[in-house]
């Protein structure tokens, strides 16, 4: 008899979390071994339970899904990550690939598609919802977007705006309901993507994009 795929389900909405787990627990080929409602809990349970696959949302408190994926790639390379998200941004797809995820399924996918994705990722293959695959191909074919050939995700743009407005990492974490370490990771990623390594430079970039406006007397350099 074929071994069941051990699955950890991660989502910060309890109703969604329970619904996904209940649905997948009925599948003979899948064993739901645990649940987590935030990024830190996801990492802790992945270390404890050693699942084959982590089915994970991107928008999580206390460490977002991208940061968890990167951490698991370093700490538990045998644990495969499958993203389940509502985001349809082409850059989100590229980001999760770079982070080490093995697949990306859109929320709203049928239970059959989700189970198929889990099985594929569980045996070492990749799986992308058709719309997600098309978006990624369009992005690759379209070439560079932002400076350095990368675009910021919606979350990175939020963090950049906060940085440009003079907020500290702790203040940004409180406003965006993130962990301080997650904010630091976003900051590092933004600087690397844009090839800008000073607060003044990031501020000028945000102003140039029209995301931030200077108050009277405010300087764009710090």
C-alpha atoms as a PDB file:
ATOM      1  CA  UNK A   1       0.000   0.000   0.000  1.00  0.00           C
ATOM      2  CA  UNK A   2       1.284   3.407  -0.974  1.00  0.00           C
ATOM      3  CA  UNK A   3       2.379   5.617   1.951  1.00  0.00           C
ATOM      4  CA  UNK A   4       0.057   8.507   2.714  1.00  0.00           C
ATOM      5  CA  UNK A   5       1.416  12.035   2.306  1.00  0.00           C
ATOM      6  CA  UNK A   6       1.866  13.714   5.683  1.00  0.00           C
ATOM      7  CA  UNK A   7       0.440  17.240   5.442  1.00  0.00           C
ATOM      8  CA  UNK A   8       0.706  20.355   7.618  1.00  0.00           C
ATOM      9  CA  UNK A   9      -1.951  22.985   6.837  1.00  0.00           C
ATOM     10  CA  UNK A  10      -1.175  26.669   7.552  1.00  0.00           C
ATOM     11  CA  UNK A  11      -3.692  29.532   7.341  1.00  0.00           C
ATOM     12  CA  UNK A  12      -4.447  32.425   9.690  1.00  0.00           C
ATOM     13  CA  UNK A  13      -8.237  32.184   9.234  1.00  0.00           C
ATOM     14  CA  UNK A  14      -9.573  29.470  11.593  1.00  0.00           C
ATOM     15  CA  UNK A  15     -12.671  28.709   9.487  1.00  0.00           C
ATOM     16  CA  UNK A  16     -10.588  28.348   6.316  1.00  0.00           C
ATOM     17  CA  UNK A  17      -8.000  26.281   8.173  1.00  0.00           C
ATOM     18  CA  UNK A  18     -10.571  23.851   9.546  1.00  0.00           C
ATOM     19  CA  UNK A  19     -12.418  23.653   6.230  1.00  0.00           C
ATOM     20  CA  UNK A  20      -9.270  22.784   4.264  1.00  0.00           C
ATOM     21  CA  UNK A  21      -8.141  20.251   6.867  1.00  0.00           C
ATOM     22  CA  UNK A  22     -11.542  18.563   7.050  1.00  0.00           C
ATOM     23  CA  UNK A  23     -11.781  18.352   3.276  1.00  0.00           C
ATOM     24  CA  UNK A  24      -8.317  16.890   2.816  1.00  0.00           C
ATOM     25  CA  UNK A  25      -8.598  14.512   5.781  1.00  0.00           C
ATOM     26  CA  UNK A  26     -11.211  12.576   3.795  1.00  0.00           C
ATOM     27  CA  UNK A  27      -8.655  11.716   1.115  1.00  0.00           C
ATOM     28  CA  UNK A  28      -7.187   8.259   1.479  1.00  0.00           C
ATOM     29  CA  UNK A  29      -3.814   9.375   0.105  1.00  0.00           C
ATOM     30  CA  UNK A  30      -3.381  12.318   2.511  1.00  0.00           C
ATOM     31  CA  UNK A  31      -2.843  12.373   6.277  1.00  0.00           C
ATOM     32  CA  UNK A  32      -3.318  15.799   7.901  1.00  0.00           C
ATOM     33  CA  UNK A  33      -0.791  15.691  10.742  1.00  0.00           C
ATOM     34  CA  UNK A  34      -1.162  19.255  12.011  1.00  0.00           C
ATOM     35  CA  UNK A  35      -2.411  22.810  11.633  1.00  0.00           C
ATOM     36  CA  UNK A  36      -0.897  26.235  12.269  1.00  0.00           C
ATOM     37  CA  UNK A  37      -2.367  29.729  12.272  1.00  0.00           C
ATOM     38  CA  UNK A  38       0.775  31.869  11.935  1.00  0.00           C
ATOM     39  CA  UNK A  39       4.283  31.691  10.542  1.00  0.00           C
ATOM     40  CA  UNK A  40       6.130  31.009  13.780  1.00  0.00           C
ATOM     41  CA  UNK A  41       3.732  28.167  14.647  1.00  0.00           C
ATOM     42  CA  UNK A  42       4.162  26.774  11.133  1.00  0.00           C
ATOM     43  CA  UNK A  43       7.944  26.606  11.571  1.00  0.00           C
ATOM     44  CA  UNK A  44       7.643  25.059  15.016  1.00  0.00           C
ATOM     45  CA  UNK A  45       5.189  22.372  13.864  1.00  0.00           C
ATOM     46  CA  UNK A  46       7.196  21.606  10.729  1.00  0.00           C
ATOM     47  CA  UNK A  47      10.242  20.983  12.922  1.00  0.00           C
ATOM     48  CA  UNK A  48       8.234  18.855  15.350  1.00  0.00           C
ATOM     49  CA  UNK A  49       6.063  16.854  12.938  1.00  0.00           C
ATOM     50  CA  UNK A  50       8.355  16.541   9.886  1.00  0.00           C
ATOM     51  CA  UNK A  51       5.514  16.604   7.333  1.00  0.00           C
ATOM     52  CA  UNK A  52       6.099  15.683   3.701  1.00  0.00           C
ATOM     53  CA  UNK A  53       4.248  18.787   2.511  1.00  0.00           C
ATOM     54  CA  UNK A  54       3.305  22.125   4.070  1.00  0.00           C
ATOM     55  CA  UNK A  55       0.217  23.693   2.482  1.00  0.00           C
ATOM     56  CA  UNK A  56       0.686  27.357   3.293  1.00  0.00           C
ATOM     57  CA  UNK A  57      -0.938  30.736   2.807  1.00  0.00           C
ATOM     58  CA  UNK A  58       1.329  33.694   1.998  1.00  0.00           C
ATOM     59  CA  UNK A  59      -0.243  36.312   4.285  1.00  0.00           C
ATOM     60  CA  UNK A  60       0.473  35.143   7.812  1.00  0.00           C
ATOM     61  CA  UNK A  61       1.074  36.994  11.095  1.00  0.00           C
ATOM     62  CA  UNK A  62       4.351  36.623  13.017  1.00  0.00           C
ATOM     63  CA  UNK A  63       6.269  35.584   9.846  1.00  0.00           C
ATOM     64  CA  UNK A  64       4.819  35.562   6.364  1.00  0.00           C
ATOM     65  CA  UNK A  65       4.603  32.494   4.167  1.00  0.00           C
ATOM     66  CA  UNK A  66       7.550  33.532   2.038  1.00  0.00           C
ATOM     67  CA  UNK A  67       9.833  33.869   5.072  1.00  0.00           C
ATOM     68  CA  UNK A  68       8.650  30.495   6.416  1.00  0.00           C
ATOM     69  CA  UNK A  69       9.340  28.889   3.034  1.00  0.00           C
ATOM     70  CA  UNK A  70      12.863  30.320   2.984  1.00  0.00           C
ATOM     71  CA  UNK A  71      13.485  29.121   6.547  1.00  0.00           C
ATOM     72  CA  UNK A  72      12.267  25.602   5.755  1.00  0.00           C
ATOM     73  CA  UNK A  73      14.444  25.441   2.655  1.00  0.00           C
ATOM     74  CA  UNK A  74      17.467  26.107   4.880  1.00  0.00           C
ATOM     75  CA  UNK A  75      16.461  24.056   7.935  1.00  0.00           C
ATOM     76  CA  UNK A  76      14.288  21.248   6.548  1.00  0.00           C
ATOM     77  CA  UNK A  77      15.060  20.767   2.845  1.00  0.00           C
ATOM     78  CA  UNK A  78      13.108  17.501   2.854  1.00  0.00           C
ATOM     79  CA  UNK A  79       9.866  19.346   3.693  1.00  0.00           C
ATOM     80  CA  UNK A  80       8.174  20.549   0.521  1.00  0.00           C
ATOM     81  CA  UNK A  81       6.086  23.731   0.493  1.00  0.00           C
ATOM     82  CA  UNK A  82       2.921  24.187  -1.571  1.00  0.00           C
ATOM     83  CA  UNK A  83       1.515  27.719  -1.514  1.00  0.00           C
ATOM     84  CA  UNK A  84      -2.273  28.172  -1.390  1.00  0.00           C
ATOM     85  CA  UNK A  85      -3.046  31.848  -1.905  1.00  0.00           C
ATOM     86  CA  UNK A  86      -5.477  34.308  -3.460  1.00  0.00           C
ATOM     87  CA  UNK A  87      -2.611  36.410  -4.881  1.00  0.00           C
ATOM     88  CA  UNK A  88      -2.462  36.466  -8.652  1.00  0.00           C
ATOM     89  CA  UNK A  89       0.624  38.671  -8.971  1.00  0.00           C
ATOM     90  CA  UNK A  90       3.228  37.277 -11.401  1.00  0.00           C
ATOM     91  CA  UNK A  91       5.938  38.512  -9.055  1.00  0.00           C
ATOM     92  CA  UNK A  92       4.418  36.494  -6.205  1.00  0.00           C
ATOM     93  CA  UNK A  93       4.952  33.368  -8.286  1.00  0.00           C
ATOM     94  CA  UNK A  94       8.597  34.222  -8.965  1.00  0.00           C
ATOM     95  CA  UNK A  95       9.128  35.103  -5.303  1.00  0.00           C
ATOM     96  CA  UNK A  96       7.846  31.761  -4.037  1.00  0.00           C
ATOM     97  CA  UNK A  97       9.983  29.879  -6.558  1.00  0.00           C
ATOM     98  CA  UNK A  98      13.060  31.772  -5.401  1.00  0.00           C
ATOM     99  CA  UNK A  99      12.106  31.067  -1.783  1.00  0.00           C
ATOM    100  CA  UNK A 100      12.009  27.332  -2.476  1.00  0.00           C
ATOM    101  CA  UNK A 101       8.303  26.450  -2.786  1.00  0.00           C
ATOM    102  CA  UNK A 102       7.422  23.567  -5.098  1.00  0.00           C
ATOM    103  CA  UNK A 103       3.969  24.714  -6.166  1.00  0.00           C
ATOM    104  CA  UNK A 104       1.343  27.439  -6.128  1.00  0.00           C
ATOM    105  CA  UNK A 105      -2.408  26.843  -6.097  1.00  0.00           C
ATOM    106  CA  UNK A 106      -5.003  29.600  -6.093  1.00  0.00           C
ATOM    107  CA  UNK A 107      -7.626  29.703  -3.362  1.00  0.00           C
ATOM    108  CA  UNK A 108     -10.855  28.724  -5.005  1.00  0.00           C
ATOM    109  CA  UNK A 109      -9.278  25.663  -6.624  1.00  0.00           C
ATOM    110  CA  UNK A 110     -11.396  22.510  -6.534  1.00  0.00           C
ATOM    111  CA  UNK A 111     -10.668  19.864  -3.863  1.00  0.00           C
ATOM    112  CA  UNK A 112      -9.549  17.564  -6.692  1.00  0.00           C
ATOM    113  CA  UNK A 113      -7.002  20.096  -7.980  1.00  0.00           C
ATOM    114  CA  UNK A 114      -5.720  20.753  -4.470  1.00  0.00           C
ATOM    115  CA  UNK A 115      -5.319  17.026  -3.757  1.00  0.00           C
ATOM    116  CA  UNK A 116      -3.570  16.577  -7.107  1.00  0.00           C
ATOM    117  CA  UNK A 117      -1.171  19.407  -6.253  1.00  0.00           C
ATOM    118  CA  UNK A 118      -0.364  17.910  -2.836  1.00  0.00           C
ATOM    119  CA  UNK A 119       0.318  14.501  -4.367  1.00  0.00           C
ATOM    120  CA  UNK A 120       2.540  15.976  -7.082  1.00  0.00           C
ATOM    121  CA  UNK A 121       4.586  18.065  -4.645  1.00  0.00           C
ATOM    122  CA  UNK A 122       4.717  15.162  -2.193  1.00  0.00           C
ATOM    123  CA  UNK A 123       6.556  12.949  -4.694  1.00  0.00           C
ATOM    124  CA  UNK A 124       9.016  15.687  -5.668  1.00  0.00           C
ATOM    125  CA  UNK A 125       7.245  17.213  -8.647  1.00  0.00           C
ATOM    126  CA  UNK A 126       6.017  20.799  -9.057  1.00  0.00           C
ATOM    127  CA  UNK A 127       2.431  21.956  -9.490  1.00  0.00           C
ATOM    128  CA  UNK A 128       0.961  25.309 -10.511  1.00  0.00           C
ATOM    129  CA  UNK A 129      -2.637  26.253 -11.147  1.00  0.00           C
ATOM    130  CA  UNK A 130      -3.016  26.974 -14.892  1.00  0.00           C
ATOM    131  CA  UNK A 131      -3.657  30.690 -14.301  1.00  0.00           C
ATOM    132  CA  UNK A 132      -0.598  30.957 -12.052  1.00  0.00           C
ATOM    133  CA  UNK A 133       1.624  29.212 -14.610  1.00  0.00           C
ATOM    134  CA  UNK A 134       0.401  31.575 -17.321  1.00  0.00           C
ATOM    135  CA  UNK A 135       1.110  34.633 -15.171  1.00  0.00           C
ATOM    136  CA  UNK A 136       4.636  33.435 -14.424  1.00  0.00           C
ATOM    137  CA  UNK A 137       5.359  32.790 -18.107  1.00  0.00           C
ATOM    138  CA  UNK A 138       3.996  36.218 -19.049  1.00  0.00           C
ATOM    139  CA  UNK A 139       6.249  37.822 -16.432  1.00  0.00           C
ATOM    140  CA  UNK A 140       9.324  35.973 -17.672  1.00  0.00           C
ATOM    141  CA  UNK A 141       8.508  36.840 -21.290  1.00  0.00           C
ATOM    142  CA  UNK A 142       7.856  40.490 -20.440  1.00  0.00           C
ATOM    143  CA  UNK A 143      11.328  41.089 -19.016  1.00  0.00           C
ATOM    144  CA  UNK A 144      12.321  43.487 -16.268  1.00  0.00           C
ATOM    145  CA  UNK A 145       9.821  45.593 -14.372  1.00  0.00           C
ATOM    146  CA  UNK A 146      11.445  47.566 -11.585  1.00  0.00           C
ATOM    147  CA  UNK A 147      15.090  48.579 -11.364  1.00  0.00           C
ATOM    148  CA  UNK A 148      17.257  45.475 -11.224  1.00  0.00           C
ATOM    149  CA  UNK A 149      14.644  43.439 -13.135  1.00  0.00           C
ATOM    150  CA  UNK A 150      12.327  42.824 -10.188  1.00  0.00           C
ATOM    151  CA  UNK A 151       8.969  44.124  -9.049  1.00  0.00           C
ATOM    152  CA  UNK A 152       7.905  44.628  -5.474  1.00  0.00           C
ATOM    153  CA  UNK A 153       5.086  42.554  -4.064  1.00  0.00           C
ATOM    154  CA  UNK A 154       2.105  44.343  -2.512  1.00  0.00           C
ATOM    155  CA  UNK A 155       3.465  43.637   0.987  1.00  0.00           C
ATOM    156  CA  UNK A 156       6.948  44.910   0.082  1.00  0.00           C
ATOM    157  CA  UNK A 157       5.421  48.089  -1.297  1.00  0.00           C
ATOM    158  CA  UNK A 158       3.553  48.603   2.006  1.00  0.00           C
ATOM    159  CA  UNK A 159       6.796  48.156   3.925  1.00  0.00           C
ATOM    160  CA  UNK A 160       8.642  50.519   1.580  1.00  0.00           C
ATOM    161  CA  UNK A 161       6.005  53.225   2.061  1.00  0.00           C
ATOM    162  CA  UNK A 162       6.334  52.874   5.837  1.00  0.00           C
ATOM    163  CA  UNK A 163      10.140  53.086   5.580  1.00  0.00           C
ATOM    164  CA  UNK A 164       9.853  56.205   3.406  1.00  0.00           C
ATOM    165  CA  UNK A 165       7.511  57.734   5.978  1.00  0.00           C
ATOM    166  CA  UNK A 166      10.190  57.298   8.635  1.00  0.00           C
ATOM    167  CA  UNK A 167       8.717  54.335  10.539  1.00  0.00           C
ATOM    168  CA  UNK A 168      11.015  52.032  12.487  1.00  0.00           C
ATOM    169  CA  UNK A 169      10.939  48.255  12.031  1.00  0.00           C
ATOM    170  CA  UNK A 170       8.968  47.905  15.264  1.00  0.00           C
ATOM    171  CA  UNK A 171       6.419  50.528  14.178  1.00  0.00           C
ATOM    172  CA  UNK A 172       6.042  48.867  10.773  1.00  0.00           C
ATOM    173  CA  UNK A 173       5.538  45.485  12.446  1.00  0.00           C
ATOM    174  CA  UNK A 174       2.763  46.879  14.642  1.00  0.00           C
ATOM    175  CA  UNK A 175       1.002  48.691  11.780  1.00  0.00           C
ATOM    176  CA  UNK A 176       1.126  45.758   9.354  1.00  0.00           C
ATOM    177  CA  UNK A 177       0.615  43.004  11.944  1.00  0.00           C
ATOM    178  CA  UNK A 178       3.986  41.398  11.168  1.00  0.00           C
ATOM    179  CA  UNK A 179       6.910  40.208  13.212  1.00  0.00           C
ATOM    180  CA  UNK A 180       9.911  42.529  13.486  1.00  0.00           C
ATOM    181  CA  UNK A 181      12.138  39.886  11.902  1.00  0.00           C
ATOM    182  CA  UNK A 182       9.689  39.593   8.982  1.00  0.00           C
ATOM    183  CA  UNK A 183       9.894  43.368   8.473  1.00  0.00           C
ATOM    184  CA  UNK A 184      13.694  43.143   8.487  1.00  0.00           C
ATOM    185  CA  UNK A 185      13.510  40.384   5.869  1.00  0.00           C
ATOM    186  CA  UNK A 186      11.223  42.522   3.696  1.00  0.00           C
ATOM    187  CA  UNK A 187      13.576  45.498   4.061  1.00  0.00           C
ATOM    188  CA  UNK A 188      16.581  43.409   2.995  1.00  0.00           C
ATOM    189  CA  UNK A 189      14.640  41.962   0.058  1.00  0.00           C
ATOM    190  CA  UNK A 190      13.475  45.413  -1.100  1.00  0.00           C
ATOM    191  CA  UNK A 191      17.012  46.799  -1.017  1.00  0.00           C
ATOM    192  CA  UNK A 192      18.352  43.791  -2.893  1.00  0.00           C
ATOM    193  CA  UNK A 193      15.630  43.909  -5.546  1.00  0.00           C
ATOM    194  CA  UNK A 194      15.942  47.623  -6.198  1.00  0.00           C
ATOM    195  CA  UNK A 195      19.711  47.713  -5.667  1.00  0.00           C
ATOM    196  CA  UNK A 196      19.167  50.635  -3.286  1.00  0.00           C
ATOM    197  CA  UNK A 197      20.937  50.401   0.057  1.00  0.00           C
ATOM    198  CA  UNK A 198      20.065  53.560   1.974  1.00  0.00           C
ATOM    199  CA  UNK A 199      16.913  54.956   3.555  1.00  0.00           C
ATOM    200  CA  UNK A 200      17.374  58.146   1.549  1.00  0.00           C
ATOM    201  CA  UNK A 201      17.509  56.162  -1.683  1.00  0.00           C
ATOM    202  CA  UNK A 202      14.424  54.128  -0.808  1.00  0.00           C
ATOM    203  CA  UNK A 203      12.564  57.299   0.125  1.00  0.00           C
ATOM    204  CA  UNK A 204      13.437  58.961  -3.173  1.00  0.00           C
ATOM    205  CA  UNK A 205      12.372  55.835  -5.041  1.00  0.00           C
ATOM    206  CA  UNK A 206       8.981  55.782  -3.281  1.00  0.00           C
ATOM    207  CA  UNK A 207       8.501  59.499  -3.975  1.00  0.00           C
ATOM    208  CA  UNK A 208       9.405  58.993  -7.622  1.00  0.00           C
ATOM    209  CA  UNK A 209       6.770  56.271  -7.890  1.00  0.00           C
ATOM    210  CA  UNK A 210       4.163  58.568  -6.367  1.00  0.00           C
ATOM    211  CA  UNK A 211       3.628  56.278  -3.377  1.00  0.00           C
ATOM    212  CA  UNK A 212       4.795  58.896  -0.864  1.00  0.00           C
ATOM    213  CA  UNK A 213       4.497  62.673  -0.913  1.00  0.00           C
ATOM    214  CA  UNK A 214       6.764  65.057   0.951  1.00  0.00           C
ATOM    215  CA  UNK A 215       5.259  67.261   3.599  1.00  0.00           C
ATOM    216  CA  UNK A 216       6.260  70.968   3.456  1.00  0.00           C
ATOM    217  CA  UNK A 217       9.846  71.285   4.624  1.00  0.00           C
ATOM    218  CA  UNK A 218      10.461  67.531   4.640  1.00  0.00           C
ATOM    219  CA  UNK A 219      13.740  66.327   3.098  1.00  0.00           C
ATOM    220  CA  UNK A 220      14.020  63.260   0.906  1.00  0.00           C
ATOM    221  CA  UNK A 221      17.384  62.420   2.413  1.00  0.00           C
ATOM    222  CA  UNK A 222      18.220  61.360   5.943  1.00  0.00           C
END
